[in-house]
Amino acid sequence: MSSELPAFRKVQRGYANALVHGALSGPHGSSLLQLIEYDDHHFRAIFDLKQFQLAEGTRLPSKSQWNSLKKRLKRRDRSIFIFRQYGPIDCGSRGGASAARTCLYLDFGFLVY
């Protein structure tokens, strides 16, 4: 994280959760797995790859798919600040499987006006 980040205002965790939960919802339900809140009032959303319909032979979403998600979040709250760094993250194994599972993450905060 860069020291050039703006100050973030404190928002209720429930508000941030509802906002990101709604933005990450689709026909198969919400892909949000975890919402982490940091001391500087920004959040990290960890979500399932099922959020994106991946092209055959690809393992990760395209830049265009990421941009669409960021626009969806901005439409829900114009004060949201989305960090430049986002992407895959290891979210462990599930269901007793021994292989690591890849999820995605996106960091965001709410700007002080």
C-alpha atoms as a PDB file:
ATOM      1  CA  MET A   1       0.000   0.000   0.000  1.00  0.00           C
ATOM      2  CA  SER A   2       1.305   3.399  -0.930  1.00  0.00           C
ATOM      3  CA  SER A   3       1.820   6.261   1.512  1.00  0.00           C
ATOM      4  CA  GLU A   4       0.118   8.479  -1.110  1.00  0.00           C
ATOM      5  CA  LEU A   5      -3.335   7.181  -0.232  1.00  0.00           C
ATOM      6  CA  PRO A   6      -6.110   9.605   0.706  1.00  0.00           C
ATOM      7  CA  ALA A   7      -7.742   9.613   4.128  1.00  0.00           C
ATOM      8  CA  PHE A   8     -10.773   7.362   4.390  1.00  0.00           C
ATOM      9  CA  ARG A   9     -13.878   8.119   6.397  1.00  0.00           C
ATOM     10  CA  LYS A  10     -15.179   5.575   8.839  1.00  0.00           C
ATOM     11  CA  VAL A  11     -18.354   3.903   7.653  1.00  0.00           C
ATOM     12  CA  GLN A  12     -20.436   1.252   9.321  1.00  0.00           C
ATOM     13  CA  ARG A  13     -19.184  -2.219   8.466  1.00  0.00           C
ATOM     14  CA  GLY A  14     -22.764  -3.183   7.637  1.00  0.00           C
ATOM     15  CA  TYR A  15     -22.957  -0.443   4.999  1.00  0.00           C
ATOM     16  CA  ALA A  16     -19.690  -1.508   3.348  1.00  0.00           C
ATOM     17  CA  ASN A  17     -20.766  -5.154   3.483  1.00  0.00           C
ATOM     18  CA  ALA A  18     -24.172  -4.434   1.918  1.00  0.00           C
ATOM     19  CA  LEU A  19     -22.594  -2.322  -0.823  1.00  0.00           C
ATOM     20  CA  VAL A  20     -19.985  -4.876  -1.862  1.00  0.00           C
ATOM     21  CA  HIS A  21     -22.361  -7.817  -1.333  1.00  0.00           C
ATOM     22  CA  GLY A  22     -24.837  -6.224  -3.750  1.00  0.00           C
ATOM     23  CA  ALA A  23     -22.160  -5.406  -6.319  1.00  0.00           C
ATOM     24  CA  LEU A  24     -20.855  -8.984  -6.179  1.00  0.00           C
ATOM     25  CA  SER A  25     -24.287 -10.578  -6.519  1.00  0.00           C
ATOM     26  CA  GLY A  26     -25.417 -12.359  -9.643  1.00  0.00           C
ATOM     27  CA  PRO A  27     -27.645 -15.183 -10.777  1.00  0.00           C
ATOM     28  CA  HIS A  28     -25.798 -17.648  -8.528  1.00  0.00           C
ATOM     29  CA  GLY A  29     -25.983 -15.459  -5.424  1.00  0.00           C
ATOM     30  CA  SER A  30     -23.215 -13.351  -3.925  1.00  0.00           C
ATOM     31  CA  SER A  31     -19.605 -14.302  -4.507  1.00  0.00           C
ATOM     32  CA  LEU A  32     -18.407 -12.326  -1.447  1.00  0.00           C
ATOM     33  CA  LEU A  33     -16.522 -14.661   0.899  1.00  0.00           C
ATOM     34  CA  GLN A  34     -15.020 -12.250   3.426  1.00  0.00           C
ATOM     35  CA  LEU A  35     -14.864  -8.532   4.171  1.00  0.00           C
ATOM     36  CA  ILE A  36     -11.834  -7.351   6.138  1.00  0.00           C
ATOM     37  CA  GLU A  37     -11.761  -3.930   7.800  1.00  0.00           C
ATOM     38  CA  TYR A  38      -8.428  -2.174   8.416  1.00  0.00           C
ATOM     39  CA  ASP A  39      -7.425   0.434  11.011  1.00  0.00           C
ATOM     40  CA  ASP A  40      -7.211   3.181   8.367  1.00  0.00           C
ATOM     41  CA  HIS A  41     -10.923   2.518   7.544  1.00  0.00           C
ATOM     42  CA  HIS A  42     -10.391   0.792   4.208  1.00  0.00           C
ATOM     43  CA  PHE A  43     -11.759  -2.654   3.430  1.00  0.00           C
ATOM     44  CA  ARG A  44     -10.660  -5.737   1.526  1.00  0.00           C
ATOM     45  CA  ALA A  45     -13.335  -7.809  -0.188  1.00  0.00           C
ATOM     46  CA  ILE A  46     -12.333 -11.403  -0.859  1.00  0.00           C
ATOM     47  CA  PHE A  47     -14.610 -13.106  -3.319  1.00  0.00           C
ATOM     48  CA  ASP A  48     -15.024 -16.193  -5.448  1.00  0.00           C
ATOM     49  CA  LEU A  49     -13.924 -16.484  -9.072  1.00  0.00           C
ATOM     50  CA  LYS A  50     -17.544 -17.335  -9.930  1.00  0.00           C
ATOM     51  CA  GLN A  51     -18.140 -13.576  -9.936  1.00  0.00           C
ATOM     52  CA  PHE A  52     -16.755 -13.481 -13.465  1.00  0.00           C
ATOM     53  CA  GLN A  53     -17.623 -15.586 -16.466  1.00  0.00           C
ATOM     54  CA  LEU A  54     -14.173 -16.569 -17.643  1.00  0.00           C
ATOM     55  CA  ALA A  55     -13.343 -17.190 -21.274  1.00  0.00           C
ATOM     56  CA  GLU A  56     -12.388 -20.744 -22.104  1.00  0.00           C
ATOM     57  CA  GLY A  57      -8.745 -21.384 -21.320  1.00  0.00           C
ATOM     58  CA  THR A  58      -8.371 -18.395 -18.972  1.00  0.00           C
ATOM     59  CA  ARG A  59      -7.859 -18.605 -15.236  1.00  0.00           C
ATOM     60  CA  LEU A  60      -8.401 -14.951 -14.310  1.00  0.00           C
ATOM     61  CA  PRO A  61     -10.797 -12.165 -15.289  1.00  0.00           C
ATOM     62  CA  SER A  62      -9.853  -9.678 -17.987  1.00  0.00           C
ATOM     63  CA  LYS A  63      -9.048  -6.034 -17.315  1.00  0.00           C
ATOM     64  CA  SER A  64     -12.402  -5.139 -18.865  1.00  0.00           C
ATOM     65  CA  GLN A  65     -14.227  -7.405 -16.392  1.00  0.00           C
ATOM     66  CA  TRP A  66     -12.379  -5.764 -13.478  1.00  0.00           C
ATOM     67  CA  ASN A  67     -13.261  -2.304 -14.813  1.00  0.00           C
ATOM     68  CA  SER A  68     -16.936  -3.276 -15.053  1.00  0.00           C
ATOM     69  CA  LEU A  69     -16.899  -4.383 -11.420  1.00  0.00           C
ATOM     70  CA  LYS A  70     -15.229  -1.137 -10.333  1.00  0.00           C
ATOM     71  CA  LYS A  71     -17.848   0.894 -12.238  1.00  0.00           C
ATOM     72  CA  ARG A  72     -20.621  -1.123 -10.575  1.00  0.00           C
ATOM     73  CA  LEU A  73     -19.191  -0.223  -7.145  1.00  0.00           C
ATOM     74  CA  LYS A  74     -18.832   3.476  -8.088  1.00  0.00           C
ATOM     75  CA  ARG A  75     -22.491   3.596  -9.164  1.00  0.00           C
ATOM     76  CA  ARG A  76     -23.497   2.400  -5.691  1.00  0.00           C
ATOM     77  CA  ASP A  77     -21.492   5.069  -3.840  1.00  0.00           C
ATOM     78  CA  ARG A  78     -19.625   7.837  -5.650  1.00  0.00           C
ATOM     79  CA  SER A  79     -17.322   8.419  -2.670  1.00  0.00           C
ATOM     80  CA  ILE A  80     -15.761   4.980  -2.990  1.00  0.00           C
ATOM     81  CA  PHE A  81     -12.031   4.818  -3.693  1.00  0.00           C
ATOM     82  CA  ILE A  82     -10.793   1.594  -5.271  1.00  0.00           C
ATOM     83  CA  PHE A  83      -7.138   0.694  -4.929  1.00  0.00           C
ATOM     84  CA  ARG A  84      -5.108   0.100  -8.087  1.00  0.00           C
ATOM     85  CA  GLN A  85      -3.898  -3.273  -6.900  1.00  0.00           C
ATOM     86  CA  TYR A  86      -6.396  -6.118  -7.069  1.00  0.00           C
ATOM     87  CA  GLY A  87      -6.372  -9.673  -8.288  1.00  0.00           C
ATOM     88  CA  PRO A  88      -5.888 -13.263  -7.238  1.00  0.00           C
ATOM     89  CA  ILE A  89      -5.266 -14.335  -3.663  1.00  0.00           C
ATOM     90  CA  ASP A  90      -4.902 -17.758  -2.082  1.00  0.00           C
ATOM     91  CA  CYS A  91      -7.967 -18.398   0.032  1.00  0.00           C
ATOM     92  CA  GLY A  92      -7.043 -21.875   1.216  1.00  0.00           C
ATOM     93  CA  SER A  93      -8.674 -25.190   0.597  1.00  0.00           C
ATOM     94  CA  ARG A  94     -12.358 -25.907   1.020  1.00  0.00           C
ATOM     95  CA  GLY A  95     -14.285 -29.055   1.606  1.00  0.00           C
ATOM     96  CA  GLY A  96     -11.261 -31.045   2.686  1.00  0.00           C
ATOM     97  CA  ALA A  97      -9.467 -30.573  -0.618  1.00  0.00           C
ATOM     98  CA  SER A  98      -5.729 -30.330  -0.217  1.00  0.00           C
ATOM     99  CA  ALA A  99      -5.152 -28.014  -3.192  1.00  0.00           C
ATOM    100  CA  ALA A 100      -5.002 -24.279  -2.580  1.00  0.00           C
ATOM    101  CA  ARG A 101      -8.014 -22.387  -3.853  1.00  0.00           C
ATOM    102  CA  THR A 102      -7.669 -19.125  -5.746  1.00  0.00           C
ATOM    103  CA  CYS A 103     -10.007 -16.286  -4.911  1.00  0.00           C
ATOM    104  CA  LEU A 104      -9.935 -12.620  -5.869  1.00  0.00           C
ATOM    105  CA  TYR A 105      -9.510  -9.496  -3.770  1.00  0.00           C
ATOM    106  CA  LEU A 106     -10.330  -5.825  -4.149  1.00  0.00           C
ATOM    107  CA  ASP A 107      -9.412  -3.091  -1.645  1.00  0.00           C
ATOM    108  CA  PHE A 108     -11.586  -0.002  -1.250  1.00  0.00           C
ATOM    109  CA  GLY A 109     -12.375   2.858   1.083  1.00  0.00           C
ATOM    110  CA  PHE A 110     -14.720   5.816   1.274  1.00  0.00           C
ATOM    111  CA  LEU A 111     -13.248   9.258   0.637  1.00  0.00           C
ATOM    112  CA  VAL A 112     -13.615  12.066   3.150  1.00  0.00           C
ATOM    113  CA  TYR A 113     -15.521  14.985   1.627  1.00  0.00           C
END
